[in-house]
N, C-alpha and C. Protein backbone atom coordinates (compact mmCIF):
# COMPACT_ATOMS: atom_id res chain seq x y z
N MET A 1 -45.18 -31.14 4.09
CA MET A 1 -44.40 -30.85 2.65
C MET A 1 -43.88 -29.29 2.86
N LYS A 2 -42.42 -29.06 2.32
CA LYS A 2 -41.85 -27.96 2.56
C LYS A 2 -42.20 -27.13 1.63
N LYS A 3 -42.63 -25.63 2.01
CA LYS A 3 -42.86 -24.75 0.91
C LYS A 3 -41.31 -24.10 0.51
N GLU A 4 -41.15 -24.06 -0.90
CA GLU A 4 -39.97 -23.40 -1.35
C GLU A 4 -40.20 -21.97 -1.62
N GLN A 5 -39.30 -21.09 -1.09
CA GLN A 5 -39.43 -19.64 -1.15
C GLN A 5 -38.79 -19.31 -2.41
N LYS A 6 -39.61 -18.47 -3.20
CA LYS A 6 -38.93 -17.89 -4.41
C LYS A 6 -38.56 -16.66 -4.55
N LEU A 7 -37.49 -16.27 -5.09
CA LEU A 7 -37.02 -14.83 -5.11
C LEU A 7 -37.39 -14.22 -6.32
N ASP A 8 -38.14 -13.38 -6.02
CA ASP A 8 -38.75 -12.46 -7.29
C ASP A 8 -37.83 -11.49 -7.64
N ARG A 9 -37.79 -10.76 -8.81
CA ARG A 9 -36.81 -9.81 -9.29
C ARG A 9 -36.67 -8.69 -8.34
N ARG A 10 -38.06 -8.24 -7.82
CA ARG A 10 -37.84 -7.09 -6.78
C ARG A 10 -36.96 -7.43 -5.62
N SER A 11 -37.10 -8.37 -5.03
CA SER A 11 -36.34 -8.95 -3.99
C SER A 11 -34.95 -9.02 -4.26
N PHE A 12 -34.56 -9.58 -5.59
CA PHE A 12 -33.10 -9.88 -5.85
C PHE A 12 -32.56 -8.48 -6.00
N LEU A 13 -33.32 -7.36 -6.53
CA LEU A 13 -32.81 -6.22 -6.68
C LEU A 13 -32.63 -5.51 -5.58
N LYS A 14 -33.50 -5.65 -4.71
CA LYS A 14 -33.18 -5.04 -3.13
C LYS A 14 -31.75 -5.39 -2.53
N VAL A 15 -31.71 -6.77 -2.64
CA VAL A 15 -30.45 -7.35 -2.05
C VAL A 15 -29.36 -6.92 -2.53
N GLY A 16 -29.47 -6.97 -3.88
CA GLY A 16 -28.15 -6.44 -4.75
C GLY A 16 -27.73 -4.99 -4.42
N MET A 17 -28.77 -4.24 -4.43
CA MET A 17 -28.56 -2.73 -3.91
C MET A 17 -27.81 -2.81 -2.73
N GLN A 18 -28.31 -3.45 -1.83
CA GLN A 18 -28.04 -3.42 -0.36
C GLN A 18 -26.47 -3.74 -0.68
N ALA A 19 -26.00 -4.95 -1.13
CA ALA A 19 -24.69 -5.25 -1.36
C ALA A 19 -23.85 -4.35 -1.72
N GLY A 20 -24.30 -3.82 -2.95
CA GLY A 20 -23.55 -2.74 -3.73
C GLY A 20 -23.16 -1.50 -2.94
N GLY A 21 -24.30 -1.09 -2.02
CA GLY A 21 -24.01 -0.12 -1.28
C GLY A 21 -22.96 -0.41 -0.10
N GLY A 22 -23.04 -1.44 0.47
CA GLY A 22 -22.04 -1.78 1.35
C GLY A 22 -20.55 -1.86 0.96
N ILE A 23 -20.35 -2.13 -0.35
CA ILE A 23 -19.17 -2.35 -1.03
C ILE A 23 -18.74 -1.07 -1.19
N LEU A 24 -19.67 -0.08 -1.89
CA LEU A 24 -19.11 1.25 -1.96
C LEU A 24 -18.75 2.10 -0.81
N ALA A 25 -19.49 1.79 0.41
CA ALA A 25 -19.04 2.46 1.66
C ALA A 25 -17.92 1.94 2.07
N LEU A 26 -17.30 0.52 1.91
CA LEU A 26 -16.05 0.24 2.28
C LEU A 26 -14.99 0.76 1.24
N ALA A 27 -15.19 1.17 0.11
CA ALA A 27 -14.28 1.35 -0.88
C ALA A 27 -13.95 2.79 -0.33
N ALA A 28 -14.86 3.65 0.16
CA ALA A 28 -14.76 5.01 0.33
C ALA A 28 -13.92 5.56 1.54
N ILE A 29 -13.35 4.26 2.44
CA ILE A 29 -12.58 4.63 3.35
C ILE A 29 -11.20 4.90 3.13
N PRO A 30 -10.83 5.94 3.34
CA PRO A 30 -9.27 6.12 2.91
C PRO A 30 -8.31 5.37 3.05
N MET A 31 -7.30 5.21 2.52
CA MET A 31 -6.19 4.18 2.70
C MET A 31 -5.57 4.52 3.84
N SER A 32 -5.37 5.99 4.30
CA SER A 32 -4.69 6.41 5.20
C SER A 32 -5.47 6.05 6.78
N LEU A 33 -6.55 5.76 6.67
CA LEU A 33 -7.22 5.47 7.79
C LEU A 33 -6.89 3.98 8.15
N VAL A 34 -6.85 2.98 7.15
CA VAL A 34 -6.65 1.67 7.31
C VAL A 34 -5.30 1.20 8.01
N ALA A 35 -4.33 2.07 7.14
CA ALA A 35 -3.03 2.14 7.50
C ALA A 35 -2.52 2.77 8.68
N GLN A 36 -2.33 2.33 9.73
CA GLN A 36 -1.99 3.28 10.94
C GLN A 36 -0.35 3.03 11.57
N ASP A 37 0.09 1.64 11.15
CA ASP A 37 1.39 1.43 11.84
C ASP A 37 2.33 1.74 10.95
N ALA A 38 3.49 2.38 11.30
CA ALA A 38 4.72 2.48 10.50
C ALA A 38 5.52 1.47 10.58
N VAL A 39 6.31 1.40 9.33
CA VAL A 39 7.14 0.26 9.38
C VAL A 39 8.50 0.44 10.17
N ALA A 40 8.91 -0.38 10.92
CA ALA A 40 10.11 -0.12 11.41
C ALA A 40 11.24 -0.76 10.90
N GLU A 41 12.27 -0.09 10.77
CA GLU A 41 13.83 -0.69 10.22
C GLU A 41 14.22 -1.88 10.65
N SER A 42 13.70 -2.18 12.13
CA SER A 42 14.13 -3.39 12.61
C SER A 42 13.20 -4.58 12.31
N ASP A 43 12.04 -4.47 11.59
CA ASP A 43 11.09 -5.54 11.01
C ASP A 43 11.94 -6.46 10.23
N PRO A 44 11.65 -7.77 10.10
CA PRO A 44 12.42 -8.86 9.39
C PRO A 44 12.23 -8.53 8.03
N LEU A 45 11.02 -8.32 7.53
CA LEU A 45 10.81 -7.82 6.04
C LEU A 45 11.58 -6.69 5.62
N ALA A 46 11.43 -5.45 6.43
CA ALA A 46 12.28 -4.34 6.23
C ALA A 46 13.99 -4.73 6.14
N GLN A 47 14.35 -5.25 7.02
CA GLN A 47 15.77 -5.76 6.86
C GLN A 47 16.07 -6.41 5.79
N ALA A 48 15.38 -7.38 5.47
CA ALA A 48 15.64 -8.15 4.31
C ALA A 48 15.55 -7.19 3.10
N LEU A 49 14.73 -6.54 2.99
CA LEU A 49 14.80 -5.40 1.70
C LEU A 49 15.34 -4.00 1.90
N GLY A 50 16.18 -4.13 2.87
CA GLY A 50 17.17 -2.56 2.95
C GLY A 50 16.40 -1.65 3.24
N TYR A 51 14.98 -1.60 4.12
CA TYR A 51 14.21 -0.53 3.95
C TYR A 51 14.98 0.64 5.06
N LYS A 52 15.22 1.70 4.74
CA LYS A 52 15.47 2.77 5.48
C LYS A 52 14.49 4.20 5.33
N ALA A 53 14.13 4.69 6.40
CA ALA A 53 13.26 5.76 6.36
C ALA A 53 13.87 6.96 5.77
N ASP A 54 15.15 7.11 5.96
CA ASP A 54 16.13 7.97 5.28
C ASP A 54 17.09 7.23 4.07
N ALA A 55 16.57 7.64 2.87
CA ALA A 55 17.31 6.67 1.68
C ALA A 55 18.72 7.04 1.60
N SER A 56 19.32 8.40 2.20
CA SER A 56 20.62 8.52 2.05
C SER A 56 21.33 7.63 3.01
N ALA A 57 20.66 6.88 3.98
CA ALA A 57 21.39 5.75 4.74
C ALA A 57 21.57 4.61 4.51
N VAL A 58 21.04 4.28 3.16
CA VAL A 58 21.05 2.79 2.62
C VAL A 58 22.57 2.44 2.13
N ASP A 59 22.77 1.24 2.69
CA ASP A 59 24.10 0.59 2.36
C ASP A 59 24.30 0.21 0.81
N THR A 60 25.01 1.14 -0.09
CA THR A 60 24.86 0.89 -1.44
C THR A 60 25.62 -0.31 -1.72
N ALA A 61 26.73 -0.65 -1.00
CA ALA A 61 27.32 -1.90 -1.16
C ALA A 61 26.61 -3.23 -1.20
N LYS A 62 25.63 -3.01 -0.23
CA LYS A 62 24.79 -4.15 -0.15
C LYS A 62 23.58 -4.15 -0.93
N PHE A 63 23.15 -2.92 -1.58
CA PHE A 63 22.02 -2.69 -2.23
C PHE A 63 22.58 -1.84 -3.34
N PRO A 64 23.19 -2.39 -4.48
CA PRO A 64 23.59 -1.51 -5.48
C PRO A 64 22.61 -0.99 -6.29
N LYS A 65 21.35 -1.22 -6.25
CA LYS A 65 20.21 -0.83 -7.02
C LYS A 65 20.18 0.78 -6.64
N ARG A 66 20.38 1.16 -5.41
CA ARG A 66 20.52 2.41 -5.01
C ARG A 66 21.61 3.15 -5.02
N ALA A 67 22.61 2.57 -5.60
CA ALA A 67 23.73 3.32 -5.97
C ALA A 67 23.79 4.12 -7.29
N GLY A 68 24.42 5.07 -7.57
CA GLY A 68 24.76 5.75 -8.76
C GLY A 68 23.72 6.90 -8.89
N GLU A 69 23.64 7.55 -10.06
CA GLU A 69 23.02 8.69 -10.33
C GLU A 69 21.71 8.21 -10.42
N ALA A 70 21.35 6.98 -11.20
CA ALA A 70 19.54 6.68 -11.02
C ALA A 70 19.34 6.13 -9.71
N GLY A 71 20.09 5.61 -8.95
CA GLY A 71 19.58 5.36 -7.54
C GLY A 71 19.46 6.45 -6.68
N ALA A 72 20.02 7.35 -6.83
CA ALA A 72 19.87 8.84 -6.16
C ALA A 72 18.34 9.30 -6.26
N LYS A 73 17.83 8.96 -7.23
CA LYS A 73 16.39 9.61 -7.56
C LYS A 73 15.50 8.67 -7.10
N GLN A 74 15.60 7.36 -6.50
CA GLN A 74 14.91 6.32 -6.01
C GLN A 74 14.39 6.72 -4.74
N PHE A 75 13.17 6.94 -4.10
CA PHE A 75 12.55 7.22 -3.01
C PHE A 75 11.17 6.50 -2.95
N CYS A 76 10.52 6.30 -1.83
CA CYS A 76 9.36 5.64 -1.67
C CYS A 76 8.33 6.45 -2.40
N HIS A 77 8.47 7.61 -2.18
CA HIS A 77 7.29 8.57 -2.73
C HIS A 77 7.09 8.60 -4.24
N ASN A 78 8.17 7.96 -4.89
CA ASN A 78 8.10 7.62 -6.37
C ASN A 78 8.07 6.29 -6.94
N CYS A 79 7.89 5.54 -5.83
CA CYS A 79 7.67 4.15 -6.35
C CYS A 79 6.28 3.56 -6.56
N ALA A 80 5.99 2.75 -7.40
CA ALA A 80 4.85 2.20 -7.96
C ALA A 80 4.04 1.59 -6.86
N LEU A 81 4.86 1.15 -5.81
CA LEU A 81 4.08 0.44 -4.72
C LEU A 81 3.64 1.18 -3.56
N TYR A 82 3.98 2.36 -3.67
CA TYR A 82 3.79 3.60 -2.65
C TYR A 82 2.44 4.17 -3.12
N SER A 83 1.42 4.14 -2.28
CA SER A 83 -0.05 4.70 -2.54
C SER A 83 -0.48 6.05 -1.80
N GLY A 84 0.69 6.63 -1.13
CA GLY A 84 0.34 7.96 -0.52
C GLY A 84 0.62 9.07 -1.61
N ASP A 85 0.50 10.53 -1.16
CA ASP A 85 0.64 11.43 -2.10
C ASP A 85 2.28 11.78 -2.14
N ALA A 86 2.66 12.12 -3.31
CA ALA A 86 4.04 12.23 -3.60
C ALA A 86 4.53 13.15 -2.77
N ASP A 87 4.06 14.19 -2.22
CA ASP A 87 4.47 15.35 -1.14
C ASP A 87 4.38 15.01 0.04
N SER A 88 3.73 13.84 0.69
CA SER A 88 3.33 13.45 1.75
C SER A 88 4.67 12.99 2.74
N ALA A 89 4.85 13.24 3.95
CA ALA A 89 5.76 12.63 4.68
C ALA A 89 5.95 11.29 4.88
N SER A 90 4.69 10.47 4.63
CA SER A 90 4.56 9.13 4.74
C SER A 90 3.26 8.59 3.99
N GLY A 91 3.13 7.32 3.61
CA GLY A 91 2.11 6.74 2.87
C GLY A 91 2.18 5.30 3.07
N PRO A 92 1.20 4.63 2.62
CA PRO A 92 1.03 3.02 2.73
C PRO A 92 1.81 2.43 1.76
N CYS A 93 2.28 1.32 1.82
CA CYS A 93 3.17 0.52 0.81
C CYS A 93 2.75 -0.83 0.96
N SER A 94 2.35 -1.30 -0.66
CA SER A 94 1.76 -2.57 -0.85
C SER A 94 2.85 -3.63 -0.33
N ILE A 95 3.86 -3.48 -0.32
CA ILE A 95 4.85 -4.60 0.17
C ILE A 95 4.98 -4.71 1.68
N PHE A 96 4.59 -3.54 2.41
CA PHE A 96 4.63 -3.90 3.94
C PHE A 96 3.16 -4.09 4.36
N GLN A 97 2.33 -4.51 3.60
CA GLN A 97 0.91 -4.79 3.80
C GLN A 97 0.29 -3.85 4.19
N ASN A 98 0.50 -2.31 3.58
CA ASN A 98 0.00 -1.11 3.67
C ASN A 98 0.17 -0.33 5.12
N LYS A 99 1.33 -0.87 5.51
CA LYS A 99 1.86 -0.12 6.72
C LYS A 99 2.39 1.20 6.32
N LEU A 100 2.72 2.13 6.87
CA LEU A 100 3.07 3.59 6.49
C LEU A 100 4.80 3.38 6.35
N VAL A 101 5.17 3.90 5.26
CA VAL A 101 6.43 4.08 4.91
C VAL A 101 6.95 5.58 4.90
N ALA A 102 7.97 6.08 5.16
CA ALA A 102 8.56 7.44 4.99
C ALA A 102 8.49 7.61 3.39
N GLY A 103 7.92 8.66 3.11
CA GLY A 103 8.08 9.30 1.64
C GLY A 103 9.66 9.36 1.10
N LYS A 104 10.44 9.78 1.92
CA LYS A 104 11.82 9.89 1.52
C LYS A 104 12.68 8.49 2.07
N GLY A 105 12.08 7.64 2.17
CA GLY A 105 12.55 6.32 2.27
C GLY A 105 13.05 5.48 1.26
N TRP A 106 13.35 4.32 1.46
CA TRP A 106 13.72 3.27 0.18
C TRP A 106 14.06 1.92 0.80
N CYS A 107 13.58 1.17 -0.11
CA CYS A 107 13.56 -0.54 -0.01
C CYS A 107 14.15 -1.03 -1.38
N ASN A 108 14.54 -2.18 -1.23
CA ASN A 108 15.05 -2.80 -2.49
C ASN A 108 13.94 -3.31 -3.34
N ALA A 109 12.83 -3.31 -3.06
CA ALA A 109 11.75 -3.49 -3.80
C ALA A 109 11.10 -2.46 -4.60
N TRP A 110 11.77 -1.29 -4.80
CA TRP A 110 11.43 -0.13 -5.31
C TRP A 110 11.41 -0.27 -6.73
N VAL A 111 10.32 0.22 -7.42
CA VAL A 111 9.95 -0.02 -8.62
C VAL A 111 9.32 1.43 -9.23
N ALA A 112 9.87 1.84 -10.62
CA ALA A 112 9.16 3.10 -11.19
C ALA A 112 8.07 3.08 -11.43
N LYS A 113 7.24 4.22 -10.98
CA LYS A 113 5.85 4.51 -11.47
C LYS A 113 5.86 4.50 -13.03
N SER A 114 4.72 4.02 -13.46
CA SER A 114 4.76 4.03 -14.99
C SER A 114 3.84 5.23 -15.54
């Protein structure tokens, strides 16, 4: 006959604490260590979104969102999808699977931070 193993409260709490500690350890890893590769302007997704590391190089005829006074204020560093520091040269972008984009860059997925 097979003996069933019971999970008592103490064992349950020990397992839960270990799992929770592991999750906290993973959450403590800075995003800058995870995202190491920079987005290349030749990347197919970057080309489709008109990504440029220098926002002044964007073709405003092709991407009118960047044209005009409002468009001139759009940069990766002030986009809601950018998770780097506003004054950093580059940071991770969720559109490009957390690859690094230039802070002074731009793409058509730009969304104002709220």
